[in-house]
C-alpha cells in the first residue's frame, strides 16, 4: 500500500455482499474510506461504486453503495454506478471502462480504489491485470473477521498464481522424494 499524495480524479469502491439496500459494516468501512478522500478534496473527485448483484442479493452492491453515499450528501453527479461485476477483476475491468467513458482530461486520470486492508494486495494485482493504474487504500477490518478474510485472500492468491503454486508444490514433492532416498 503506497501512501496517496496529491489529488485523485476517481475513487473506485470495491463491492462486498449486501443483504438489503443497506450496506454491511464491512462495505460501510470501504465507503467511509472513500468518503475520507472525497472530503479531503472538497468533493472534487468522482466515486465509482463497483459491484453487481449476486443471486442472494436483493439489489446490486453498487445500488446499495450509491444509496449510502447519497445519504452522506454526495451529489448524484459525483457517483458512477458499475453494477455488472461479480469478481474483483471484473470490478477493475468494468470500472476502468466507466472511467474511460467519463474522463474529460488530457492527461491520464489519477485513480485509487477503496477496499478493506486485507484485500488491497489482490486489488492491486487485479488492477494491474486490467490495465488500470490505481493504488489501493484499505479500511480497517474487524478483528473477528480477519482470520477468515486472510485465509480467503491466501487461497485467492494461490489461484491467481496457480502455475507458480503448482511449480512450488512439485518442488516440495520432489525434495520430499529425494530426502526419502
N, C-alpha and C. Protein backbone atom coordinates (compact mmCIF):
# COMPACT_ATOMS: atom_id res chain seq x y z
N UNK A 1 0.85 -1.17 0.00
CA UNK A 1 0.00 0.00 0.00
C UNK A 1 0.90 1.23 0.00
N UNK A 2 0.74 2.06 -1.02
CA UNK A 2 1.53 3.26 -1.17
C UNK A 2 0.72 4.44 -0.64
N UNK A 3 1.33 5.33 0.17
CA UNK A 3 0.59 6.50 0.62
C UNK A 3 0.13 7.33 -0.58
N UNK A 4 -1.07 7.82 -0.53
CA UNK A 4 -1.63 8.59 -1.63
C UNK A 4 -1.29 10.06 -1.40
N UNK A 5 -0.54 10.63 -2.34
CA UNK A 5 -0.16 12.04 -2.25
C UNK A 5 -0.88 12.79 -3.35
N UNK A 6 -1.29 13.99 -3.06
CA UNK A 6 -1.95 14.80 -4.07
C UNK A 6 -3.40 14.40 -4.27
N UNK A 7 -4.00 15.04 -5.25
CA UNK A 7 -5.41 14.81 -5.53
C UNK A 7 -5.61 13.63 -6.47
N UNK A 8 -6.77 13.04 -6.39
CA UNK A 8 -7.15 11.96 -7.30
C UNK A 8 -8.39 12.41 -8.05
N UNK A 9 -8.62 11.78 -9.19
CA UNK A 9 -9.78 12.11 -10.01
C UNK A 9 -10.94 11.15 -9.77
N UNK A 10 -10.60 9.90 -9.47
CA UNK A 10 -11.63 8.87 -9.26
C UNK A 10 -11.25 7.98 -8.08
N UNK A 11 -12.27 7.59 -7.34
CA UNK A 11 -12.12 6.60 -6.28
C UNK A 11 -13.06 5.45 -6.62
N UNK A 12 -12.50 4.27 -6.80
CA UNK A 12 -13.32 3.09 -7.04
C UNK A 12 -13.56 2.41 -5.69
N UNK A 13 -14.80 2.14 -5.36
CA UNK A 13 -15.10 1.40 -4.14
C UNK A 13 -15.49 -0.02 -4.56
N UNK A 14 -14.70 -0.99 -4.11
CA UNK A 14 -14.96 -2.39 -4.46
C UNK A 14 -16.10 -2.92 -3.61
N UNK A 15 -17.03 -3.59 -4.26
CA UNK A 15 -18.21 -4.10 -3.58
C UNK A 15 -17.91 -5.26 -2.66
N UNK A 16 -18.85 -5.51 -1.78
CA UNK A 16 -18.86 -6.67 -0.88
C UNK A 16 -20.33 -7.00 -0.69
N UNK A 17 -20.64 -8.22 -0.42
CA UNK A 17 -22.03 -8.68 -0.36
C UNK A 17 -22.96 -7.77 0.44
N UNK A 18 -24.20 -7.67 -0.04
CA UNK A 18 -25.23 -6.92 0.67
C UNK A 18 -26.41 -7.86 0.95
N UNK A 19 -27.09 -7.60 2.06
CA UNK A 19 -28.25 -8.41 2.42
C UNK A 19 -29.56 -7.65 2.24
N UNK A 20 -29.43 -6.34 2.03
CA UNK A 20 -30.60 -5.47 1.81
C UNK A 20 -30.10 -4.25 1.05
N UNK A 21 -30.91 -3.21 0.99
CA UNK A 21 -30.46 -1.97 0.35
C UNK A 21 -29.49 -1.21 1.24
N UNK A 22 -29.26 -1.71 2.44
CA UNK A 22 -28.34 -1.10 3.38
C UNK A 22 -27.01 -1.83 3.31
N UNK A 23 -25.91 -1.09 3.36
CA UNK A 23 -24.59 -1.72 3.27
C UNK A 23 -24.23 -2.41 4.58
N UNK A 24 -23.42 -3.45 4.48
CA UNK A 24 -22.94 -4.18 5.65
C UNK A 24 -21.83 -3.36 6.32
N UNK A 25 -21.48 -3.67 7.56
CA UNK A 25 -20.39 -2.95 8.22
C UNK A 25 -19.07 -3.02 7.43
N UNK A 26 -18.78 -4.16 6.82
CA UNK A 26 -17.56 -4.31 6.03
C UNK A 26 -17.57 -3.34 4.85
N UNK A 27 -18.68 -3.27 4.15
CA UNK A 27 -18.80 -2.38 3.00
C UNK A 27 -18.85 -0.91 3.43
N UNK A 28 -19.47 -0.64 4.56
CA UNK A 28 -19.51 0.72 5.10
C UNK A 28 -18.09 1.23 5.35
N UNK A 29 -17.21 0.35 5.85
CA UNK A 29 -15.82 0.75 6.08
C UNK A 29 -15.14 1.18 4.79
N UNK A 30 -15.39 0.45 3.71
CA UNK A 30 -14.81 0.80 2.41
C UNK A 30 -15.35 2.15 1.94
N UNK A 31 -16.65 2.34 2.09
CA UNK A 31 -17.27 3.59 1.66
C UNK A 31 -16.78 4.77 2.50
N UNK A 32 -16.64 4.55 3.79
CA UNK A 32 -16.15 5.63 4.66
C UNK A 32 -14.71 6.00 4.32
N UNK A 33 -13.90 5.02 3.91
CA UNK A 33 -12.53 5.31 3.48
C UNK A 33 -12.56 6.16 2.21
N UNK A 34 -13.45 5.83 1.28
CA UNK A 34 -13.59 6.63 0.06
C UNK A 34 -14.07 8.04 0.40
N UNK A 35 -15.01 8.14 1.33
CA UNK A 35 -15.52 9.46 1.73
C UNK A 35 -14.42 10.31 2.36
N UNK A 36 -13.51 9.68 3.06
CA UNK A 36 -12.37 10.40 3.65
C UNK A 36 -11.59 11.13 2.55
N UNK A 37 -11.31 10.45 1.46
CA UNK A 37 -10.58 11.07 0.35
C UNK A 37 -11.46 12.05 -0.41
N UNK A 38 -12.72 11.74 -0.56
CA UNK A 38 -13.66 12.64 -1.23
C UNK A 38 -13.73 13.97 -0.49
N UNK A 39 -13.86 13.92 0.81
CA UNK A 39 -13.97 15.15 1.61
C UNK A 39 -12.64 15.89 1.69
N UNK A 40 -11.56 15.16 1.67
CA UNK A 40 -10.23 15.78 1.69
C UNK A 40 -10.05 16.69 0.47
N UNK A 41 -10.70 16.32 -0.62
CA UNK A 41 -10.62 17.11 -1.86
C UNK A 41 -11.86 17.98 -2.06
N UNK A 42 -12.62 18.20 -1.01
CA UNK A 42 -13.81 19.04 -1.08
C UNK A 42 -14.77 18.61 -2.19
N UNK A 43 -14.88 17.32 -2.41
CA UNK A 43 -15.83 16.81 -3.39
C UNK A 43 -15.38 16.92 -4.84
N UNK A 44 -14.13 17.29 -5.08
CA UNK A 44 -13.63 17.43 -6.46
C UNK A 44 -13.10 16.11 -6.98
N UNK A 45 -13.87 15.07 -6.84
CA UNK A 45 -13.49 13.72 -7.27
C UNK A 45 -14.79 12.94 -7.50
N UNK A 46 -14.74 11.97 -8.38
CA UNK A 46 -15.91 11.12 -8.60
C UNK A 46 -15.67 9.76 -7.97
N UNK A 47 -16.75 9.18 -7.47
CA UNK A 47 -16.67 7.88 -6.81
C UNK A 47 -17.37 6.84 -7.69
N UNK A 48 -16.62 5.81 -8.07
CA UNK A 48 -17.18 4.70 -8.85
C UNK A 48 -17.54 3.60 -7.86
N UNK A 49 -18.82 3.31 -7.72
CA UNK A 49 -19.24 2.21 -6.85
C UNK A 49 -19.36 0.97 -7.72
N UNK A 50 -18.60 -0.06 -7.38
CA UNK A 50 -18.43 -1.20 -8.27
C UNK A 50 -18.86 -2.50 -7.60
N UNK A 51 -19.93 -3.08 -8.12
CA UNK A 51 -20.38 -4.37 -7.62
C UNK A 51 -21.74 -4.73 -8.19
N UNK A 52 -21.83 -5.92 -8.74
CA UNK A 52 -23.07 -6.41 -9.32
C UNK A 52 -24.00 -6.98 -8.27
N UNK A 53 -24.99 -7.71 -8.74
CA UNK A 53 -26.00 -8.31 -7.86
C UNK A 53 -25.86 -9.82 -7.89
N UNK A 54 -25.51 -10.38 -6.74
CA UNK A 54 -25.42 -11.82 -6.62
C UNK A 54 -26.81 -12.44 -6.55
N UNK A 55 -26.91 -13.76 -6.73
CA UNK A 55 -28.21 -14.43 -6.73
C UNK A 55 -28.95 -14.30 -5.40
N UNK A 56 -28.22 -14.09 -4.31
CA UNK A 56 -28.85 -13.98 -3.00
C UNK A 56 -28.94 -12.53 -2.52
N UNK A 57 -28.68 -11.57 -3.42
CA UNK A 57 -28.71 -10.16 -3.03
C UNK A 57 -29.95 -9.49 -3.62
N UNK A 58 -30.68 -8.70 -2.81
CA UNK A 58 -31.91 -8.06 -3.30
C UNK A 58 -31.66 -6.92 -4.28
N UNK A 59 -30.49 -6.30 -4.20
CA UNK A 59 -30.10 -5.21 -5.10
C UNK A 59 -28.62 -5.38 -5.42
N UNK A 60 -28.15 -4.65 -6.41
CA UNK A 60 -26.72 -4.70 -6.71
C UNK A 60 -25.94 -4.02 -5.58
N UNK A 61 -24.71 -4.44 -5.41
CA UNK A 61 -23.84 -3.81 -4.42
C UNK A 61 -23.66 -2.34 -4.76
N UNK A 62 -23.55 -2.02 -6.06
CA UNK A 62 -23.39 -0.63 -6.50
C UNK A 62 -24.60 0.21 -6.08
N UNK A 63 -25.80 -0.34 -6.22
CA UNK A 63 -27.01 0.39 -5.84
C UNK A 63 -26.99 0.72 -4.35
N UNK A 64 -26.68 -0.28 -3.52
CA UNK A 64 -26.64 -0.06 -2.06
C UNK A 64 -25.56 0.96 -1.69
N UNK A 65 -24.40 0.87 -2.37
CA UNK A 65 -23.32 1.82 -2.07
C UNK A 65 -23.71 3.24 -2.48
N UNK A 66 -24.33 3.38 -3.65
CA UNK A 66 -24.75 4.71 -4.11
C UNK A 66 -25.77 5.32 -3.15
N UNK A 67 -26.67 4.49 -2.66
CA UNK A 67 -27.68 4.96 -1.70
C UNK A 67 -26.99 5.48 -0.43
N UNK A 68 -26.01 4.73 0.05
CA UNK A 68 -25.26 5.15 1.24
C UNK A 68 -24.56 6.49 0.99
N UNK A 69 -23.91 6.62 -0.16
CA UNK A 69 -23.19 7.86 -0.47
C UNK A 69 -24.14 9.04 -0.58
N UNK A 70 -25.30 8.84 -1.19
CA UNK A 70 -26.28 9.93 -1.28
C UNK A 70 -26.73 10.34 0.13
N UNK A 71 -26.90 9.36 1.02
CA UNK A 71 -27.28 9.67 2.40
C UNK A 71 -26.16 10.40 3.14
N UNK A 72 -24.94 10.33 2.61
CA UNK A 72 -23.80 11.04 3.20
C UNK A 72 -23.55 12.36 2.46
N UNK A 73 -24.54 12.81 1.71
CA UNK A 73 -24.52 14.10 0.99
C UNK A 73 -23.59 14.15 -0.21
N UNK A 74 -23.30 13.01 -0.81
CA UNK A 74 -22.54 13.01 -2.07
C UNK A 74 -23.55 13.21 -3.20
N UNK A 75 -23.35 14.25 -4.03
CA UNK A 75 -24.30 14.50 -5.11
C UNK A 75 -24.32 13.38 -6.15
N UNK A 76 -25.46 13.20 -6.76
CA UNK A 76 -25.65 12.14 -7.77
C UNK A 76 -24.61 12.23 -8.89
N UNK A 77 -24.25 13.45 -9.30
CA UNK A 77 -23.31 13.60 -10.42
C UNK A 77 -21.87 13.26 -10.04
N UNK A 78 -21.62 12.97 -8.79
CA UNK A 78 -20.28 12.55 -8.33
C UNK A 78 -20.19 11.03 -8.16
N UNK A 79 -21.31 10.33 -8.41
CA UNK A 79 -21.36 8.88 -8.23
C UNK A 79 -21.53 8.21 -9.60
N UNK A 80 -20.66 7.26 -9.89
CA UNK A 80 -20.75 6.47 -11.12
C UNK A 80 -21.05 5.03 -10.71
N UNK A 81 -22.13 4.47 -11.25
CA UNK A 81 -22.51 3.09 -10.93
C UNK A 81 -21.90 2.10 -11.91
N UNK A 82 -21.24 1.11 -11.38
CA UNK A 82 -20.77 -0.05 -12.16
C UNK A 82 -21.43 -1.24 -11.49
N UNK A 83 -22.48 -1.76 -12.08
CA UNK A 83 -23.29 -2.77 -11.40
C UNK A 83 -23.32 -4.12 -12.12
N UNK A 84 -22.27 -4.43 -12.87
CA UNK A 84 -22.22 -5.70 -13.61
C UNK A 84 -21.19 -6.68 -13.05
N UNK A 85 -20.23 -6.20 -12.31
CA UNK A 85 -19.10 -7.05 -11.88
C UNK A 85 -19.51 -8.06 -10.81
N UNK A 86 -18.84 -9.21 -10.87
CA UNK A 86 -19.08 -10.26 -9.87
C UNK A 86 -17.78 -10.73 -9.22
N UNK A 87 -16.64 -10.21 -9.69
CA UNK A 87 -15.34 -10.57 -9.12
C UNK A 87 -14.51 -9.30 -8.97
N UNK A 88 -13.43 -9.40 -8.22
CA UNK A 88 -12.54 -8.25 -8.06
C UNK A 88 -11.93 -7.85 -9.40
N UNK A 89 -11.56 -8.83 -10.22
CA UNK A 89 -11.02 -8.50 -11.53
C UNK A 89 -12.04 -7.75 -12.37
N UNK A 90 -13.29 -8.21 -12.37
CA UNK A 90 -14.34 -7.51 -13.11
C UNK A 90 -14.59 -6.12 -12.53
N UNK A 91 -14.50 -5.97 -11.20
CA UNK A 91 -14.62 -4.63 -10.60
C UNK A 91 -13.65 -3.67 -11.29
N UNK A 92 -12.41 -4.11 -11.42
CA UNK A 92 -11.38 -3.26 -12.01
C UNK A 92 -11.62 -3.04 -13.51
N UNK A 93 -11.91 -4.11 -14.20
CA UNK A 93 -12.13 -4.06 -15.65
C UNK A 93 -13.29 -3.12 -16.00
N UNK A 94 -14.43 -3.34 -15.38
CA UNK A 94 -15.63 -2.58 -15.71
C UNK A 94 -15.55 -1.14 -15.19
N UNK A 95 -14.89 -0.95 -14.04
CA UNK A 95 -14.71 0.41 -13.53
C UNK A 95 -13.80 1.21 -14.46
N UNK A 96 -12.78 0.56 -14.98
CA UNK A 96 -11.89 1.22 -15.95
C UNK A 96 -12.70 1.71 -17.14
N UNK A 97 -13.61 0.88 -17.65
CA UNK A 97 -14.45 1.27 -18.79
C UNK A 97 -15.32 2.48 -18.45
N UNK A 98 -15.89 2.48 -17.25
CA UNK A 98 -16.74 3.60 -16.82
C UNK A 98 -15.91 4.89 -16.72
N UNK A 99 -14.70 4.77 -16.17
CA UNK A 99 -13.84 5.94 -16.03
C UNK A 99 -13.42 6.47 -17.40
N UNK A 100 -13.03 5.57 -18.30
CA UNK A 100 -12.63 5.99 -19.64
C UNK A 100 -13.77 6.71 -20.36
N UNK A 101 -15.00 6.26 -20.17
CA UNK A 101 -16.15 6.90 -20.80
C UNK A 101 -16.45 8.27 -20.19
N UNK A 102 -16.09 8.46 -18.92
CA UNK A 102 -16.41 9.70 -18.21
C UNK A 102 -15.30 10.75 -18.29
N UNK A 103 -14.05 10.31 -18.37
CA UNK A 103 -12.90 11.20 -18.23
C UNK A 103 -12.82 12.22 -19.37
N UNK A 104 -12.64 13.48 -19.02
CA UNK A 104 -12.56 14.57 -19.99
C UNK A 104 -11.17 15.19 -20.07
N UNK A 105 -10.25 14.77 -19.22
CA UNK A 105 -8.93 15.38 -19.17
C UNK A 105 -8.02 14.96 -20.31
N UNK A 106 -6.90 15.66 -20.43
CA UNK A 106 -5.91 15.32 -21.47
C UNK A 106 -4.84 14.37 -20.94
N UNK A 107 -4.60 14.41 -19.65
CA UNK A 107 -3.66 13.50 -19.00
C UNK A 107 -4.43 12.32 -18.43
N UNK A 108 -3.76 11.18 -18.24
CA UNK A 108 -4.46 10.05 -17.61
C UNK A 108 -4.99 10.43 -16.22
N UNK A 109 -6.17 9.94 -15.85
CA UNK A 109 -6.72 10.29 -14.54
C UNK A 109 -5.94 9.62 -13.41
N UNK A 110 -5.96 10.25 -12.25
CA UNK A 110 -5.38 9.69 -11.03
C UNK A 110 -6.48 8.89 -10.35
N UNK A 111 -6.20 7.62 -10.07
CA UNK A 111 -7.24 6.72 -9.56
C UNK A 111 -6.74 5.99 -8.32
N UNK A 112 -7.62 5.87 -7.34
CA UNK A 112 -7.37 4.98 -6.21
C UNK A 112 -8.60 4.08 -6.07
N UNK A 113 -8.42 2.99 -5.34
CA UNK A 113 -9.59 2.16 -5.02
C UNK A 113 -9.62 1.94 -3.52
N UNK A 114 -10.83 1.85 -3.00
CA UNK A 114 -11.03 1.64 -1.56
C UNK A 114 -11.58 0.24 -1.34
N UNK A 115 -10.97 -0.45 -0.41
CA UNK A 115 -11.39 -1.79 -0.04
C UNK A 115 -11.00 -1.98 1.42
N UNK A 116 -11.00 -3.21 1.89
CA UNK A 116 -10.51 -3.47 3.25
C UNK A 116 -9.02 -3.73 3.21
N UNK A 117 -8.36 -3.51 4.33
CA UNK A 117 -6.89 -3.62 4.37
C UNK A 117 -6.39 -4.99 3.92
N UNK A 118 -7.09 -6.05 4.24
CA UNK A 118 -6.64 -7.39 3.86
C UNK A 118 -6.76 -7.63 2.35
N UNK A 119 -7.54 -6.82 1.64
CA UNK A 119 -7.88 -7.04 0.24
C UNK A 119 -7.08 -6.15 -0.73
N UNK A 120 -6.27 -5.24 -0.20
CA UNK A 120 -5.56 -4.27 -1.04
C UNK A 120 -4.59 -4.96 -2.00
N UNK A 121 -3.81 -5.92 -1.52
CA UNK A 121 -2.82 -6.58 -2.37
C UNK A 121 -3.48 -7.21 -3.60
N UNK A 122 -4.52 -7.98 -3.38
CA UNK A 122 -5.21 -8.62 -4.51
C UNK A 122 -5.84 -7.58 -5.41
N UNK A 123 -6.35 -6.52 -4.82
CA UNK A 123 -6.92 -5.43 -5.62
C UNK A 123 -5.88 -4.81 -6.55
N UNK A 124 -4.68 -4.58 -6.03
CA UNK A 124 -3.61 -4.01 -6.86
C UNK A 124 -3.24 -4.97 -7.98
N UNK A 125 -3.14 -6.26 -7.67
CA UNK A 125 -2.80 -7.26 -8.69
C UNK A 125 -3.84 -7.24 -9.81
N UNK A 126 -5.11 -7.24 -9.45
CA UNK A 126 -6.16 -7.25 -10.46
C UNK A 126 -6.25 -5.91 -11.20
N UNK A 127 -5.98 -4.81 -10.53
CA UNK A 127 -5.97 -3.52 -11.22
C UNK A 127 -4.92 -3.53 -12.31
N UNK A 128 -3.74 -4.02 -12.00
CA UNK A 128 -2.66 -4.09 -13.00
C UNK A 128 -3.05 -5.01 -14.15
N UNK A 129 -3.65 -6.15 -13.83
CA UNK A 129 -4.08 -7.09 -14.89
C UNK A 129 -5.13 -6.46 -15.79
N UNK A 130 -5.95 -5.58 -15.25
CA UNK A 130 -6.99 -4.91 -16.03
C UNK A 130 -6.45 -3.68 -16.77
N UNK A 131 -5.16 -3.39 -16.58
CA UNK A 131 -4.57 -2.23 -17.23
C UNK A 131 -4.95 -0.92 -16.57
N UNK A 132 -5.25 -0.99 -15.30
CA UNK A 132 -5.68 0.18 -14.54
C UNK A 132 -4.55 0.60 -13.61
N UNK A 133 -4.08 1.81 -13.74
CA UNK A 133 -3.02 2.32 -12.88
C UNK A 133 -3.67 2.93 -11.64
N UNK A 134 -3.86 2.12 -10.63
CA UNK A 134 -4.56 2.57 -9.42
C UNK A 134 -3.87 2.01 -8.19
N UNK A 135 -3.81 2.83 -7.16
CA UNK A 135 -3.32 2.40 -5.86
C UNK A 135 -4.51 2.13 -4.95
N UNK A 136 -4.30 1.29 -3.95
CA UNK A 136 -5.37 0.94 -3.05
C UNK A 136 -5.24 1.59 -1.69
N UNK A 137 -6.37 1.87 -1.09
CA UNK A 137 -6.42 2.33 0.30
C UNK A 137 -7.33 1.36 1.04
N UNK A 138 -6.89 0.96 2.22
CA UNK A 138 -7.63 -0.06 2.96
C UNK A 138 -8.28 0.48 4.21
N UNK A 139 -9.51 0.06 4.42
CA UNK A 139 -10.19 0.38 5.67
C UNK A 139 -9.91 -0.73 6.67
N UNK A 140 -9.94 -0.42 7.94
CA UNK A 140 -9.69 -1.45 8.95
C UNK A 140 -10.74 -2.56 8.89
N UNK A 141 -10.31 -3.75 9.25
CA UNK A 141 -11.20 -4.91 9.28
C UNK A 141 -11.38 -5.34 10.73
N UNK A 142 -12.60 -5.66 11.09
CA UNK A 142 -12.87 -6.12 12.45
C UNK A 142 -12.03 -7.35 12.77
N UNK A 143 -11.52 -7.40 13.99
CA UNK A 143 -10.63 -8.47 14.41
C UNK A 143 -11.26 -9.85 14.23
N UNK A 144 -12.55 -9.97 14.55
CA UNK A 144 -13.21 -11.28 14.46
C UNK A 144 -13.32 -11.78 13.02
N UNK A 145 -13.32 -10.86 12.05
CA UNK A 145 -13.47 -11.24 10.64
C UNK A 145 -12.13 -11.52 9.97
N UNK A 146 -11.06 -11.00 10.55
CA UNK A 146 -9.74 -11.06 9.91
C UNK A 146 -9.24 -12.47 9.62
N UNK A 147 -9.32 -13.45 10.53
CA UNK A 147 -8.79 -14.78 10.20
C UNK A 147 -9.42 -15.39 8.95
N UNK A 148 -10.74 -15.36 8.85
CA UNK A 148 -11.37 -15.95 7.66
C UNK A 148 -11.06 -15.13 6.41
N UNK A 149 -10.95 -13.82 6.55
CA UNK A 149 -10.63 -12.97 5.40
C UNK A 149 -9.22 -13.26 4.89
N UNK A 150 -8.28 -13.42 5.80
CA UNK A 150 -6.90 -13.69 5.39
C UNK A 150 -6.77 -15.07 4.74
N UNK A 151 -7.49 -16.05 5.24
CA UNK A 151 -7.47 -17.38 4.62
C UNK A 151 -8.04 -17.29 3.21
N UNK A 152 -9.13 -16.57 3.05
CA UNK A 152 -9.74 -16.41 1.73
C UNK A 152 -8.77 -15.71 0.77
N UNK A 153 -8.09 -14.67 1.24
CA UNK A 153 -7.13 -13.96 0.39
C UNK A 153 -5.96 -14.85 0.02
N UNK A 154 -5.49 -15.65 0.97
CA UNK A 154 -4.38 -16.57 0.70
C UNK A 154 -4.76 -17.55 -0.41
N UNK A 155 -5.94 -18.12 -0.30
CA UNK A 155 -6.41 -19.07 -1.33
C UNK A 155 -6.57 -18.35 -2.67
N UNK A 156 -7.10 -17.14 -2.64
CA UNK A 156 -7.27 -16.38 -3.89
C UNK A 156 -5.92 -16.10 -4.54
N UNK A 157 -4.91 -15.79 -3.75
CA UNK A 157 -3.57 -15.55 -4.31
C UNK A 157 -2.98 -16.84 -4.89
N UNK A 158 -3.25 -17.97 -4.24
CA UNK A 158 -2.80 -19.25 -4.80
C UNK A 158 -3.44 -19.49 -6.16
N UNK A 159 -4.70 -19.13 -6.29
CA UNK A 159 -5.40 -19.31 -7.56
C UNK A 159 -4.85 -18.35 -8.62
N UNK A 160 -4.60 -17.11 -8.24
CA UNK A 160 -4.04 -16.14 -9.19
C UNK A 160 -2.71 -16.64 -9.73
N UNK A 161 -1.90 -17.17 -8.85
CA UNK A 161 -0.56 -17.64 -9.23
C UNK A 161 -0.52 -19.17 -9.25
N UNK A 162 -1.51 -19.79 -9.88
CA UNK A 162 -1.62 -21.25 -9.84
C UNK A 162 -0.43 -21.96 -10.47
N UNK A 163 0.15 -21.41 -11.53
CA UNK A 163 1.32 -22.05 -12.15
C UNK A 163 2.51 -22.03 -11.19
N UNK A 164 2.74 -20.89 -10.58
CA UNK A 164 3.84 -20.78 -9.61
C UNK A 164 3.57 -21.69 -8.42
N UNK A 165 2.32 -21.70 -7.95
CA UNK A 165 1.95 -22.56 -6.83
C UNK A 165 2.19 -24.03 -7.17
N UNK A 166 1.79 -24.45 -8.37
CA UNK A 166 1.99 -25.84 -8.80
C UNK A 166 3.47 -26.17 -8.89
N UNK A 167 4.26 -25.23 -9.39
CA UNK A 167 5.70 -25.44 -9.51
C UNK A 167 6.35 -25.61 -8.13
N UNK A 168 5.96 -24.77 -7.19
CA UNK A 168 6.49 -24.87 -5.82
C UNK A 168 6.07 -26.18 -5.19
N UNK A 169 4.81 -26.55 -5.37
CA UNK A 169 4.31 -27.81 -4.82
C UNK A 169 5.07 -29.00 -5.40
N UNK A 170 5.30 -29.00 -6.70
CA UNK A 170 6.08 -30.07 -7.32
C UNK A 170 7.51 -30.09 -6.78
N UNK A 171 8.07 -28.93 -6.55
CA UNK A 171 9.41 -28.84 -5.97
C UNK A 171 9.46 -29.46 -4.58
N UNK A 172 8.43 -29.17 -3.78
CA UNK A 172 8.37 -29.76 -2.43
C UNK A 172 8.24 -31.28 -2.51
N UNK A 173 7.41 -31.75 -3.41
CA UNK A 173 7.23 -33.20 -3.57
C UNK A 173 8.54 -33.85 -4.00
N UNK A 174 9.21 -33.24 -4.98
CA UNK A 174 10.49 -33.78 -5.46
C UNK A 174 11.52 -33.78 -4.33
N UNK A 175 11.57 -32.71 -3.56
CA UNK A 175 12.50 -32.65 -2.44
C UNK A 175 12.18 -33.73 -1.41
N UNK A 176 10.90 -33.93 -1.14
CA UNK A 176 10.49 -34.98 -0.20
C UNK A 176 10.90 -36.36 -0.67
N UNK A 177 10.74 -36.62 -1.95
CA UNK A 177 11.14 -37.92 -2.52
C UNK A 177 12.65 -38.09 -2.41
N UNK A 178 13.40 -37.04 -2.74
CA UNK A 178 14.87 -37.11 -2.66
C UNK A 178 15.34 -37.35 -1.23
N UNK A 179 14.68 -36.72 -0.28
CA UNK A 179 15.07 -36.89 1.11
C UNK A 179 14.75 -38.28 1.64
N UNK A 180 13.78 -38.96 1.04
CA UNK A 180 13.42 -40.31 1.46
C UNK A 180 14.38 -41.36 0.90
N UNK A 181 15.13 -41.03 -0.13
CA UNK A 181 16.04 -42.00 -0.75
C UNK A 181 17.29 -42.20 0.07
